[in-house]
């Protein structure tokens, strides 16, 4: 019993890896967004998902599926706003769900300030 109590949370979690842009489009522009994901949380919860792993959603020129981040502090406008992300996070937490985000640490877009300064 004590072994289970000390087990890391992710050992028993059901993860759902989710590219926001292809999940659910809430505004009819053909691109999935945070509002669409928020609308589908009931479905994910019914599946038993308790951790959503989000693929990159940061500001990006999208030449490398969002892994070419140009601003780590901004949401790509096709997916919504930072407030939309915060609303998703709050609702997921209210349901006992976790959100894990893909943080790209080893490279940036050629449009990122760090890349430009390094040239």
PDB file of N, CA and C in Angstrom:
ATOM      1  N   UNK A   1       0.819  -1.188   0.000  1.00  0.00           N
ATOM      2  CA  UNK A   1       0.000   0.000   0.000  1.00  0.00           C
ATOM      3  C   UNK A   1       0.867   1.258   0.000  1.00  0.00           C
ATOM      4  N   UNK A   2       1.920   1.279   0.827  1.00  0.00           N
ATOM      5  CA  UNK A   2       2.804   2.442   0.890  1.00  0.00           C
ATOM      6  C   UNK A   2       3.524   2.653  -0.432  1.00  0.00           C
ATOM      7  N   UNK A   3       3.830   1.554  -1.131  1.00  0.00           N
ATOM      8  CA  UNK A   3       4.501   1.672  -2.429  1.00  0.00           C
ATOM      9  C   UNK A   3       3.623   2.437  -3.416  1.00  0.00           C
ATOM     10  N   UNK A   4       2.335   2.153  -3.453  1.00  0.00           N
ATOM     11  CA  UNK A   4       1.421   2.843  -4.356  1.00  0.00           C
ATOM     12  C   UNK A   4       1.305   4.323  -3.985  1.00  0.00           C
ATOM     13  N   UNK A   5       1.310   4.625  -2.689  1.00  0.00           N
ATOM     14  CA  UNK A   5       1.202   6.011  -2.240  1.00  0.00           C
ATOM     15  C   UNK A   5       2.405   6.833  -2.678  1.00  0.00           C
ATOM     16  N   UNK A   6       3.555   6.212  -2.822  1.00  0.00           N
ATOM     17  CA  UNK A   6       4.765   6.918  -3.224  1.00  0.00           C
ATOM     18  C   UNK A   6       4.993   6.902  -4.728  1.00  0.00           C
ATOM     19  N   UNK A   7       4.109   6.266  -5.457  1.00  0.00           N
ATOM     20  CA  UNK A   7       4.250   6.149  -6.904  1.00  0.00           C
ATOM     21  C   UNK A   7       4.016   7.519  -7.557  1.00  0.00           C
ATOM     22  N   UNK A   8       4.852   7.926  -8.500  1.00  0.00           N
ATOM     23  CA  UNK A   8       4.630   9.202  -9.202  1.00  0.00           C
ATOM     24  C   UNK A   8       3.259   9.219  -9.895  1.00  0.00           C
ATOM     25  N   UNK A   9       2.628  10.382  -9.933  1.00  0.00           N
ATOM     26  CA  UNK A   9       1.270  10.513 -10.464  1.00  0.00           C
ATOM     27  C   UNK A   9       1.128   9.967 -11.879  1.00  0.00           C
ATOM     28  N   UNK A  10       2.162  10.134 -12.696  1.00  0.00           N
ATOM     29  CA  UNK A  10       2.055   9.762 -14.107  1.00  0.00           C
ATOM     30  C   UNK A  10       2.073   8.253 -14.343  1.00  0.00           C
ATOM     31  N   UNK A  11       2.473   7.485 -13.354  1.00  0.00           N
ATOM     32  CA  UNK A  11       2.542   6.025 -13.518  1.00  0.00           C
ATOM     33  C   UNK A  11       1.163   5.410 -13.766  1.00  0.00           C
ATOM     34  N   UNK A  12       0.123   5.981 -13.193  1.00  0.00           N
ATOM     35  CA  UNK A  12      -1.230   5.453 -13.357  1.00  0.00           C
ATOM     36  C   UNK A  12      -2.120   6.371 -14.191  1.00  0.00           C
ATOM     37  N   UNK A  13      -1.545   7.355 -14.841  1.00  0.00           N
ATOM     38  CA  UNK A  13      -2.330   8.307 -15.626  1.00  0.00           C
ATOM     39  C   UNK A  13      -2.630   7.770 -17.020  1.00  0.00           C
ATOM     40  N   UNK A  14      -3.728   8.251 -17.557  1.00  0.00           N
ATOM     41  CA  UNK A  14      -4.081   7.956 -18.944  1.00  0.00           C
ATOM     42  C   UNK A  14      -3.833   9.233 -19.734  1.00  0.00           C
ATOM     43  N   UNK A  15      -2.781   9.199 -20.540  1.00  0.00           N
ATOM     44  CA  UNK A  15      -2.369  10.360 -21.336  1.00  0.00           C
ATOM     45  C   UNK A  15      -3.069  10.355 -22.692  1.00  0.00           C
ATOM     46  N   UNK A  16      -3.349  11.545 -23.180  1.00  0.00           N
ATOM     47  CA  UNK A  16      -3.882  11.717 -24.524  1.00  0.00           C
ATOM     48  C   UNK A  16      -3.025  12.791 -25.181  1.00  0.00           C
ATOM     49  N   UNK A  17      -2.189  12.397 -26.139  1.00  0.00           N
ATOM     50  CA  UNK A  17      -1.340  13.363 -26.859  1.00  0.00           C
ATOM     51  C   UNK A  17      -2.203  14.066 -27.890  1.00  0.00           C
ATOM     52  N   UNK A  18      -2.144  15.380 -27.885  1.00  0.00           N
ATOM     53  CA  UNK A  18      -3.107  16.129 -28.667  1.00  0.00           C
ATOM     54  C   UNK A  18      -2.463  17.300 -29.408  1.00  0.00           C
ATOM     55  N   UNK A  19      -2.475  17.266 -30.740  1.00  0.00           N
ATOM     56  CA  UNK A  19      -2.087  18.451 -31.505  1.00  0.00           C
ATOM     57  C   UNK A  19      -3.311  19.375 -31.603  1.00  0.00           C
ATOM     58  N   UNK A  20      -3.260  20.509 -30.956  1.00  0.00           N
ATOM     59  CA  UNK A  20      -4.410  21.418 -30.886  1.00  0.00           C
ATOM     60  C   UNK A  20      -4.954  21.719 -32.278  1.00  0.00           C
ATOM     61  N   UNK A  21      -4.069  21.959 -33.241  1.00  0.00           N
ATOM     62  CA  UNK A  21      -4.497  22.401 -34.571  1.00  0.00           C
ATOM     63  C   UNK A  21      -5.361  21.384 -35.311  1.00  0.00           C
ATOM     64  N   UNK A  22      -5.311  20.127 -34.928  1.00  0.00           N
ATOM     65  CA  UNK A  22      -6.100  19.129 -35.656  1.00  0.00           C
ATOM     66  C   UNK A  22      -7.159  18.460 -34.789  1.00  0.00           C
ATOM     67  N   UNK A  23      -7.422  18.997 -33.607  1.00  0.00           N
ATOM     68  CA  UNK A  23      -8.373  18.329 -32.722  1.00  0.00           C
ATOM     69  C   UNK A  23      -9.818  18.765 -32.969  1.00  0.00           C
ATOM     70  N   UNK A  24     -10.191  19.978 -32.583  1.00  0.00           N
ATOM     71  CA  UNK A  24     -11.571  20.430 -32.782  1.00  0.00           C
ATOM     72  C   UNK A  24     -11.584  21.927 -33.043  1.00  0.00           C
ATOM     73  N   UNK A  25     -12.216  22.301 -34.129  1.00  0.00           N
ATOM     74  CA  UNK A  25     -12.300  23.684 -34.592  1.00  0.00           C
ATOM     75  C   UNK A  25     -13.593  24.310 -34.070  1.00  0.00           C
ATOM     76  N   UNK A  26     -13.487  25.292 -33.194  1.00  0.00           N
ATOM     77  CA  UNK A  26     -14.684  25.905 -32.604  1.00  0.00           C
ATOM     78  C   UNK A  26     -15.250  27.060 -33.420  1.00  0.00           C
ATOM     79  N   UNK A  27     -14.447  27.627 -34.325  1.00  0.00           N
ATOM     80  CA  UNK A  27     -14.918  28.826 -35.028  1.00  0.00           C
ATOM     81  C   UNK A  27     -15.061  28.648 -36.539  1.00  0.00           C
ATOM     82  N   UNK A  28     -14.896  27.436 -37.036  1.00  0.00           N
ATOM     83  CA  UNK A  28     -15.147  27.155 -38.447  1.00  0.00           C
ATOM     84  C   UNK A  28     -14.067  27.592 -39.409  1.00  0.00           C
ATOM     85  N   UNK A  29     -12.860  27.908 -38.911  1.00  0.00           N
ATOM     86  CA  UNK A  29     -11.800  28.345 -39.825  1.00  0.00           C
ATOM     87  C   UNK A  29     -10.938  27.183 -40.313  1.00  0.00           C
ATOM     88  N   UNK A  30     -11.279  25.962 -39.912  1.00  0.00           N
ATOM     89  CA  UNK A  30     -10.542  24.795 -40.381  1.00  0.00           C
ATOM     90  C   UNK A  30      -9.350  24.401 -39.530  1.00  0.00           C
ATOM     91  N   UNK A  31      -9.117  25.121 -38.424  1.00  0.00           N
ATOM     92  CA  UNK A  31      -7.978  24.840 -37.546  1.00  0.00           C
ATOM     93  C   UNK A  31      -8.499  24.619 -36.129  1.00  0.00           C
ATOM     94  N   UNK A  32      -8.063  23.540 -35.500  1.00  0.00           N
ATOM     95  CA  UNK A  32      -8.439  23.295 -34.115  1.00  0.00           C
ATOM     96  C   UNK A  32      -7.911  24.391 -33.208  1.00  0.00           C
ATOM     97  N   UNK A  33      -8.578  24.595 -32.090  1.00  0.00           N
ATOM     98  CA  UNK A  33      -8.209  25.688 -31.192  1.00  0.00           C
ATOM     99  C   UNK A  33      -8.523  25.330 -29.742  1.00  0.00           C
ATOM    100  N   UNK A  34      -8.085  26.173 -28.827  1.00  0.00           N
ATOM    101  CA  UNK A  34      -8.291  25.911 -27.403  1.00  0.00           C
ATOM    102  C   UNK A  34      -9.765  25.917 -27.023  1.00  0.00           C
ATOM    103  N   UNK A  35     -10.557  26.780 -27.644  1.00  0.00           N
ATOM    104  CA  UNK A  35     -11.992  26.777 -27.361  1.00  0.00           C
ATOM    105  C   UNK A  35     -12.619  25.447 -27.778  1.00  0.00           C
ATOM    106  N   UNK A  36     -12.169  24.899 -28.899  1.00  0.00           N
ATOM    107  CA  UNK A  36     -12.660  23.596 -29.337  1.00  0.00           C
ATOM    108  C   UNK A  36     -12.273  22.500 -28.369  1.00  0.00           C
ATOM    109  N   UNK A  37     -11.050  22.543 -27.896  1.00  0.00           N
ATOM    110  CA  UNK A  37     -10.587  21.552 -26.925  1.00  0.00           C
ATOM    111  C   UNK A  37     -11.382  21.674 -25.627  1.00  0.00           C
ATOM    112  N   UNK A  38     -11.628  22.896 -25.220  1.00  0.00           N
ATOM    113  CA  UNK A  38     -12.428  23.133 -24.015  1.00  0.00           C
ATOM    114  C   UNK A  38     -13.822  22.519 -24.167  1.00  0.00           C
ATOM    115  N   UNK A  39     -14.408  22.662 -25.356  1.00  0.00           N
ATOM    116  CA  UNK A  39     -15.737  22.102 -25.622  1.00  0.00           C
ATOM    117  C   UNK A  39     -15.742  20.577 -25.576  1.00  0.00           C
ATOM    118  N   UNK A  40     -14.607  19.953 -25.801  1.00  0.00           N
ATOM    119  CA  UNK A  40     -14.519  18.487 -25.856  1.00  0.00           C
ATOM    120  C   UNK A  40     -13.932  17.853 -24.591  1.00  0.00           C
ATOM    121  N   UNK A  41     -13.759  18.634 -23.539  1.00  0.00           N
ATOM    122  CA  UNK A  41     -13.213  18.059 -22.306  1.00  0.00           C
ATOM    123  C   UNK A  41     -14.122  16.973 -21.731  1.00  0.00           C
ATOM    124  N   UNK A  42     -15.440  17.137 -21.863  1.00  0.00           N
ATOM    125  CA  UNK A  42     -16.354  16.091 -21.381  1.00  0.00           C
ATOM    126  C   UNK A  42     -16.040  14.761 -22.050  1.00  0.00           C
ATOM    127  N   UNK A  43     -15.849  14.801 -23.360  1.00  0.00           N
ATOM    128  CA  UNK A  43     -15.547  13.586 -24.120  1.00  0.00           C
ATOM    129  C   UNK A  43     -14.256  12.935 -23.625  1.00  0.00           C
ATOM    130  N   UNK A  44     -13.210  13.734 -23.487  1.00  0.00           N
ATOM    131  CA  UNK A  44     -11.929  13.195 -23.020  1.00  0.00           C
ATOM    132  C   UNK A  44     -12.051  12.632 -21.604  1.00  0.00           C
ATOM    133  N   UNK A  45     -12.792  13.330 -20.769  1.00  0.00           N
ATOM    134  CA  UNK A  45     -13.003  12.852 -19.405  1.00  0.00           C
ATOM    135  C   UNK A  45     -13.770  11.524 -19.416  1.00  0.00           C
ATOM    136  N   UNK A  46     -14.789  11.416 -20.276  1.00  0.00           N
ATOM    137  CA  UNK A  46     -15.555  10.171 -20.393  1.00  0.00           C
ATOM    138  C   UNK A  46     -14.690   9.008 -20.869  1.00  0.00           C
ATOM    139  N   UNK A  47     -13.665   9.298 -21.655  1.00  0.00           N
ATOM    140  CA  UNK A  47     -12.738   8.253 -22.094  1.00  0.00           C
ATOM    141  C   UNK A  47     -11.836   7.765 -20.961  1.00  0.00           C
ATOM    142  N   UNK A  48     -11.777   8.543 -19.891  1.00  0.00           N
ATOM    143  CA  UNK A  48     -10.906   8.197 -18.775  1.00  0.00           C
ATOM    144  C   UNK A  48      -9.580   8.936 -18.801  1.00  0.00           C
ATOM    145  N   UNK A  49      -9.434   9.855 -19.747  1.00  0.00           N
ATOM    146  CA  UNK A  49      -8.201  10.640 -19.854  1.00  0.00           C
ATOM    147  C   UNK A  49      -8.078  11.527 -18.617  1.00  0.00           C
ATOM    148  N   UNK A  50      -6.910  11.504 -18.000  1.00  0.00           N
ATOM    149  CA  UNK A  50      -6.690  12.408 -16.873  1.00  0.00           C
ATOM    150  C   UNK A  50      -5.420  13.242 -17.039  1.00  0.00           C
ATOM    151  N   UNK A  51      -4.804  13.133 -18.219  1.00  0.00           N
ATOM    152  CA  UNK A  51      -3.659  13.983 -18.540  1.00  0.00           C
ATOM    153  C   UNK A  51      -3.626  14.223 -20.048  1.00  0.00           C
ATOM    154  N   UNK A  52      -3.688  15.478 -20.435  1.00  0.00           N
ATOM    155  CA  UNK A  52      -3.617  15.852 -21.845  1.00  0.00           C
ATOM    156  C   UNK A  52      -2.218  16.376 -22.117  1.00  0.00           C
ATOM    157  N   UNK A  53      -1.562  15.770 -23.074  1.00  0.00           N
ATOM    158  CA  UNK A  53      -0.223  16.192 -23.478  1.00  0.00           C
ATOM    159  C   UNK A  53      -0.362  17.006 -24.759  1.00  0.00           C
ATOM    160  N   UNK A  54      -0.122  18.309 -24.653  1.00  0.00           N
ATOM    161  CA  UNK A  54      -0.299  19.207 -25.795  1.00  0.00           C
ATOM    162  C   UNK A  54       0.993  19.335 -26.589  1.00  0.00           C
ATOM    163  N   UNK A  55       0.882  19.122 -27.876  1.00  0.00           N
ATOM    164  CA  UNK A  55       2.001  19.372 -28.780  1.00  0.00           C
ATOM    165  C   UNK A  55       2.165  20.883 -28.900  1.00  0.00           C
ATOM    166  N   UNK A  56       3.251  21.380 -29.486  1.00  0.00           N
ATOM    167  CA  UNK A  56       3.526  22.822 -29.476  1.00  0.00           C
ATOM    168  C   UNK A  56       2.362  23.681 -29.975  1.00  0.00           C
ATOM    169  N   UNK A  57       2.111  24.748 -29.237  1.00  0.00           N
ATOM    170  CA  UNK A  57       1.055  25.696 -29.595  1.00  0.00           C
ATOM    171  C   UNK A  57       1.546  27.137 -29.505  1.00  0.00           C
ATOM    172  N   UNK A  58       2.846  27.308 -29.369  1.00  0.00           N
ATOM    173  CA  UNK A  58       3.440  28.637 -29.232  1.00  0.00           C
ATOM    174  C   UNK A  58       3.420  29.377 -30.574  1.00  0.00           C
ATOM    175  N   UNK A  59       3.679  30.681 -30.504  1.00  0.00           N
ATOM    176  CA  UNK A  59       3.814  31.466 -31.732  1.00  0.00           C
ATOM    177  C   UNK A  59       4.925  30.854 -32.575  1.00  0.00           C
ATOM    178  N   UNK A  60       4.639  30.634 -33.853  1.00  0.00           N
ATOM    179  CA  UNK A  60       5.576  29.932 -34.728  1.00  0.00           C
ATOM    180  C   UNK A  60       5.219  30.206 -36.182  1.00  0.00           C
ATOM    181  N   UNK A  61       6.222  30.212 -37.072  1.00  0.00           N
ATOM    182  CA  UNK A  61       5.915  30.307 -38.504  1.00  0.00           C
ATOM    183  C   UNK A  61       5.383  28.976 -39.059  1.00  0.00           C
ATOM    184  N   UNK A  62       5.371  27.936 -38.242  1.00  0.00           N
ATOM    185  CA  UNK A  62       4.817  26.616 -38.584  1.00  0.00           C
ATOM    186  C   UNK A  62       5.505  25.955 -39.773  1.00  0.00           C
ATOM    187  N   UNK A  63       6.804  26.113 -39.852  1.00  0.00           N
ATOM    188  CA  UNK A  63       7.562  25.417 -40.898  1.00  0.00           C
ATOM    189  C   UNK A  63       8.013  24.030 -40.431  1.00  0.00           C
ATOM    190  N   UNK A  64       7.864  23.780 -39.121  1.00  0.00           N
ATOM    191  CA  UNK A  64       8.297  22.507 -38.539  1.00  0.00           C
ATOM    192  C   UNK A  64       7.245  22.018 -37.532  1.00  0.00           C
ATOM    193  N   UNK A  65       5.983  22.034 -37.944  1.00  0.00           N
ATOM    194  CA  UNK A  65       4.861  21.587 -37.097  1.00  0.00           C
ATOM    195  C   UNK A  65       4.811  22.272 -35.737  1.00  0.00           C
ATOM    196  N   UNK A  66       5.232  23.514 -35.669  1.00  0.00           N
ATOM    197  CA  UNK A  66       5.188  24.262 -34.420  1.00  0.00           C
ATOM    198  C   UNK A  66       6.410  24.107 -33.545  1.00  0.00           C
ATOM    199  N   UNK A  67       7.336  23.250 -33.954  1.00  0.00           N
ATOM    200  CA  UNK A  67       8.560  23.080 -33.174  1.00  0.00           C
ATOM    201  C   UNK A  67       9.564  24.199 -33.457  1.00  0.00           C
ATOM    202  N   UNK A  68       9.276  25.038 -34.413  1.00  0.00           N
ATOM    203  CA  UNK A  68      10.113  26.195 -34.739  1.00  0.00           C
ATOM    204  C   UNK A  68       9.513  27.428 -34.057  1.00  0.00           C
ATOM    205  N   UNK A  69       9.672  27.498 -32.755  1.00  0.00           N
ATOM    206  CA  UNK A  69       9.032  28.526 -31.936  1.00  0.00           C
ATOM    207  C   UNK A  69       9.690  29.881 -32.163  1.00  0.00           C
ATOM    208  N   UNK A  70       8.853  30.890 -32.419  1.00  0.00           N
ATOM    209  CA  UNK A  70       9.375  32.246 -32.571  1.00  0.00           C
ATOM    210  C   UNK A  70       9.121  33.094 -31.321  1.00  0.00           C
ATOM    211  N   UNK A  71       8.197  32.659 -30.457  1.00  0.00           N
ATOM    212  CA  UNK A  71       7.938  33.369 -29.204  1.00  0.00           C
ATOM    213  C   UNK A  71       7.363  32.371 -28.193  1.00  0.00           C
ATOM    214  N   UNK A  72       8.160  32.038 -27.192  1.00  0.00           N
ATOM    215  CA  UNK A  72       7.747  31.058 -26.184  1.00  0.00           C
ATOM    216  C   UNK A  72       6.681  31.601 -25.237  1.00  0.00           C
ATOM    217  N   UNK A  73       6.422  32.905 -25.276  1.00  0.00           N
ATOM    218  CA  UNK A  73       5.461  33.507 -24.355  1.00  0.00           C
ATOM    219  C   UNK A  73       4.124  33.814 -25.009  1.00  0.00           C
ATOM    220  N   UNK A  74       3.956  33.404 -26.264  1.00  0.00           N
ATOM    221  CA  UNK A  74       2.718  33.687 -26.984  1.00  0.00           C
ATOM    222  C   UNK A  74       2.119  32.407 -27.552  1.00  0.00           C
ATOM    223  N   UNK A  75       0.810  32.426 -27.675  1.00  0.00           N
ATOM    224  CA  UNK A  75       0.065  31.338 -28.303  1.00  0.00           C
ATOM    225  C   UNK A  75      -0.085  31.666 -29.780  1.00  0.00           C
ATOM    226  N   UNK A  76       0.054  30.661 -30.645  1.00  0.00           N
ATOM    227  CA  UNK A  76      -0.176  30.900 -32.070  1.00  0.00           C
ATOM    228  C   UNK A  76      -1.624  31.366 -32.233  1.00  0.00           C
ATOM    229  N   UNK A  77      -1.858  32.474 -32.936  1.00  0.00           N
ATOM    230  CA  UNK A  77      -3.206  33.041 -33.016  1.00  0.00           C
ATOM    231  C   UNK A  77      -4.253  32.102 -33.625  1.00  0.00           C
ATOM    232  N   UNK A  78      -3.864  31.147 -34.438  1.00  0.00           N
ATOM    233  CA  UNK A  78      -4.834  30.189 -34.984  1.00  0.00           C
ATOM    234  C   UNK A  78      -5.471  29.344 -33.885  1.00  0.00           C
ATOM    235  N   UNK A  79      -4.756  29.176 -32.763  1.00  0.00           N
ATOM    236  CA  UNK A  79      -5.224  28.295 -31.693  1.00  0.00           C
ATOM    237  C   UNK A  79      -5.974  29.040 -30.597  1.00  0.00           C
ATOM    238  N   UNK A  80      -5.963  30.360 -30.656  1.00  0.00           N
ATOM    239  CA  UNK A  80      -6.640  31.166 -29.650  1.00  0.00           C
ATOM    240  C   UNK A  80      -5.679  32.120 -28.974  1.00  0.00           C
ATOM    241  N   UNK A  81      -5.967  32.416 -27.733  1.00  0.00           N
ATOM    242  CA  UNK A  81      -5.188  33.387 -26.969  1.00  0.00           C
ATOM    243  C   UNK A  81      -4.627  32.725 -25.709  1.00  0.00           C
ATOM    244  N   UNK A  82      -3.763  33.446 -25.031  1.00  0.00           N
ATOM    245  CA  UNK A  82      -3.247  32.958 -23.759  1.00  0.00           C
ATOM    246  C   UNK A  82      -4.395  32.799 -22.756  1.00  0.00           C
ATOM    247  N   UNK A  83      -5.370  33.698 -22.816  1.00  0.00           N
ATOM    248  CA  UNK A  83      -6.541  33.571 -21.936  1.00  0.00           C
ATOM    249  C   UNK A  83      -7.336  32.305 -22.253  1.00  0.00           C
ATOM    250  N   UNK A  84      -7.431  31.943 -23.534  1.00  0.00           N
ATOM    251  CA  UNK A  84      -8.103  30.690 -23.911  1.00  0.00           C
ATOM    252  C   UNK A  84      -7.368  29.494 -23.317  1.00  0.00           C
ATOM    253  N   UNK A  85      -6.031  29.523 -23.387  1.00  0.00           N
ATOM    254  CA  UNK A  85      -5.243  28.440 -22.800  1.00  0.00           C
ATOM    255  C   UNK A  85      -5.461  28.376 -21.292  1.00  0.00           C
ATOM    256  N   UNK A  86      -5.457  29.544 -20.639  1.00  0.00           N
ATOM    257  CA  UNK A  86      -5.669  29.578 -19.187  1.00  0.00           C
ATOM    258  C   UNK A  86      -7.045  29.028 -18.815  1.00  0.00           C
ATOM    259  N   UNK A  87      -8.068  29.343 -19.624  1.00  0.00           N
ATOM    260  CA  UNK A  87      -9.420  28.816 -19.370  1.00  0.00           C
ATOM    261  C   UNK A  87      -9.434  27.297 -19.489  1.00  0.00           C
ATOM    262  N   UNK A  88      -8.744  26.770 -20.497  1.00  0.00           N
ATOM    263  CA  UNK A  88      -8.631  25.322 -20.658  1.00  0.00           C
ATOM    264  C   UNK A  88      -7.934  24.708 -19.447  1.00  0.00           C
ATOM    265  N   UNK A  89      -6.846  25.306 -19.036  1.00  0.00           N
ATOM    266  CA  UNK A  89      -6.080  24.811 -17.897  1.00  0.00           C
ATOM    267  C   UNK A  89      -6.933  24.798 -16.624  1.00  0.00           C
ATOM    268  N   UNK A  90      -7.647  25.891 -16.381  1.00  0.00           N
ATOM    269  CA  UNK A  90      -8.497  25.978 -15.190  1.00  0.00           C
ATOM    270  C   UNK A  90      -9.593  24.916 -15.209  1.00  0.00           C
ATOM    271  N   UNK A  91     -10.237  24.738 -16.357  1.00  0.00           N
ATOM    272  CA  UNK A  91     -11.318  23.753 -16.449  1.00  0.00           C
ATOM    273  C   UNK A  91     -10.780  22.332 -16.319  1.00  0.00           C
ATOM    274  N   UNK A  92      -9.647  22.064 -16.923  1.00  0.00           N
ATOM    275  CA  UNK A  92      -9.038  20.739 -16.791  1.00  0.00           C
ATOM    276  C   UNK A  92      -8.696  20.466 -15.325  1.00  0.00           C
ATOM    277  N   UNK A  93      -8.108  21.434 -14.658  1.00  0.00           N
ATOM    278  CA  UNK A  93      -7.756  21.254 -13.247  1.00  0.00           C
ATOM    279  C   UNK A  93      -9.000  21.073 -12.381  1.00  0.00           C
ATOM    280  N   UNK A  94     -10.060  21.794 -12.704  1.00  0.00           N
ATOM    281  CA  UNK A  94     -11.314  21.644 -11.960  1.00  0.00           C
ATOM    282  C   UNK A  94     -11.820  20.201 -12.039  1.00  0.00           C
ATOM    283  N   UNK A  95     -11.550  19.546 -13.162  1.00  0.00           N
ATOM    284  CA  UNK A  95     -11.981  18.162 -13.376  1.00  0.00           C
ATOM    285  C   UNK A  95     -10.958  17.144 -12.864  1.00  0.00           C
ATOM    286  N   UNK A  96      -9.860  17.619 -12.315  1.00  0.00           N
ATOM    287  CA  UNK A  96      -8.817  16.709 -11.848  1.00  0.00           C
ATOM    288  C   UNK A  96      -7.911  16.215 -12.961  1.00  0.00           C
ATOM    289  N   UNK A  97      -7.956  16.888 -14.105  1.00  0.00           N
ATOM    290  CA  UNK A  97      -7.108  16.521 -15.246  1.00  0.00           C
ATOM    291  C   UNK A  97      -5.849  17.383 -15.226  1.00  0.00           C
ATOM    292  N   UNK A  98      -4.780  16.822 -15.724  1.00  0.00           N
ATOM    293  CA  UNK A  98      -3.515  17.558 -15.843  1.00  0.00           C
ATOM    294  C   UNK A  98      -3.273  17.913 -17.304  1.00  0.00           C
ATOM    295  N   UNK A  99      -2.534  19.002 -17.505  1.00  0.00           N
ATOM    296  CA  UNK A  99      -2.102  19.408 -18.841  1.00  0.00           C
ATOM    297  C   UNK A  99      -0.577  19.414 -18.830  1.00  0.00           C
ATOM    298  N   UNK A 100       0.016  18.705 -19.771  1.00  0.00           N
ATOM    299  CA  UNK A 100       1.464  18.692 -19.947  1.00  0.00           C
ATOM    300  C   UNK A 100       1.740  19.345 -21.293  1.00  0.00           C
ATOM    301  N   UNK A 101       2.659  20.291 -21.318  1.00  0.00           N
ATOM    302  CA  UNK A 101       2.963  20.955 -22.588  1.00  0.00           C
ATOM    303  C   UNK A 101       4.356  20.568 -23.073  1.00  0.00           C
ATOM    304  N   UNK A 102       4.482  20.511 -24.358  1.00  0.00           N
ATOM    305  CA  UNK A 102       5.747  20.177 -25.006  1.00  0.00           C
ATOM    306  C   UNK A 102       6.599  21.445 -25.042  1.00  0.00           C
ATOM    307  N   UNK A 103       7.678  21.455 -24.284  1.00  0.00           N
ATOM    308  CA  UNK A 103       8.574  22.609 -24.235  1.00  0.00           C
ATOM    309  C   UNK A 103       9.806  22.301 -25.070  1.00  0.00           C
ATOM    310  N   UNK A 104       9.995  23.025 -26.131  1.00  0.00           N
ATOM    311  CA  UNK A 104      11.099  22.799 -27.060  1.00  0.00           C
ATOM    312  C   UNK A 104      12.310  23.582 -26.560  1.00  0.00           C
ATOM    313  N   UNK A 105      13.272  22.875 -26.019  1.00  0.00           N
ATOM    314  CA  UNK A 105      14.411  23.522 -25.374  1.00  0.00           C
ATOM    315  C   UNK A 105      15.655  23.611 -26.253  1.00  0.00           C
ATOM    316  N   UNK A 106      15.746  22.791 -27.269  1.00  0.00           N
ATOM    317  CA  UNK A 106      17.031  22.690 -27.967  1.00  0.00           C
ATOM    318  C   UNK A 106      17.133  23.509 -29.247  1.00  0.00           C
ATOM    319  N   UNK A 107      16.061  24.151 -29.678  1.00  0.00           N
ATOM    320  CA  UNK A 107      16.168  24.989 -30.870  1.00  0.00           C
ATOM    321  C   UNK A 107      14.985  25.956 -30.941  1.00  0.00           C
ATOM    322  N   UNK A 108      15.114  26.954 -31.810  1.00  0.00           N
ATOM    323  CA  UNK A 108      14.057  27.943 -32.014  1.00  0.00           C
ATOM    324  C   UNK A 108      13.877  28.161 -33.505  1.00  0.00           C
ATOM    325  N   UNK A 109      12.921  28.980 -33.826  1.00  0.00           N
ATOM    326  CA  UNK A 109      12.723  29.416 -35.204  1.00  0.00           C
ATOM    327  C   UNK A 109      13.831  30.400 -35.588  1.00  0.00           C
ATOM    328  N   UNK A 110      14.078  30.500 -36.863  1.00  0.00           N
ATOM    329  CA  UNK A 110      15.015  31.523 -37.344  1.00  0.00           C
ATOM    330  C   UNK A 110      14.441  32.920 -37.112  1.00  0.00           C
ATOM    331  N   UNK A 111      13.148  32.997 -36.796  1.00  0.00           N
ATOM    332  CA  UNK A 111      12.502  34.277 -36.516  1.00  0.00           C
ATOM    333  C   UNK A 111      12.582  34.667 -35.035  1.00  0.00           C
ATOM    334  N   UNK A 112      13.059  33.769 -34.195  1.00  0.00           N
ATOM    335  CA  UNK A 112      13.157  34.067 -32.764  1.00  0.00           C
ATOM    336  C   UNK A 112      14.315  35.031 -32.514  1.00  0.00           C
ATOM    337  N   UNK A 113      14.130  35.902 -31.541  1.00  0.00           N
ATOM    338  CA  UNK A 113      15.149  36.895 -31.189  1.00  0.00           C
ATOM    339  C   UNK A 113      16.484  36.234 -30.837  1.00  0.00           C
ATOM    340  N   UNK A 114      16.450  35.111 -30.136  1.00  0.00           N
ATOM    341  CA  UNK A 114      17.696  34.427 -29.755  1.00  0.00           C
ATOM    342  C   UNK A 114      18.479  34.004 -30.990  1.00  0.00           C
ATOM    343  N   UNK A 115      17.797  33.480 -31.976  1.00  0.00           N
ATOM    344  CA  UNK A 115      18.460  33.037 -33.199  1.00  0.00           C
ATOM    345  C   UNK A 115      19.057  34.239 -33.928  1.00  0.00           C
ATOM    346  N   UNK A 116      18.291  35.299 -34.032  1.00  0.00           N
ATOM    347  CA  UNK A 116      18.759  36.498 -34.747  1.00  0.00           C
ATOM    348  C   UNK A 116      19.978  37.118 -34.069  1.00  0.00           C
ATOM    349  N   UNK A 117      19.982  37.155 -32.747  1.00  0.00           N
ATOM    350  CA  UNK A 117      21.128  37.728 -32.027  1.00  0.00           C
ATOM    351  C   UNK A 117      22.369  36.856 -32.160  1.00  0.00           C
ATOM    352  N   UNK A 118      22.182  35.570 -32.361  1.00  0.00           N
ATOM    353  CA  UNK A 118      23.313  34.642 -32.442  1.00  0.00           C
ATOM    354  C   UNK A 118      24.013  34.684 -33.796  1.00  0.00           C
ATOM    355  N   UNK A 119      23.414  35.300 -34.765  1.00  0.00           N
ATOM    356  CA  UNK A 119      23.985  35.306 -36.117  1.00  0.00           C
ATOM    357  C   UNK A 119      25.150  36.197 -36.200  1.00  0.00           C
TER     358      UNK A 119
END
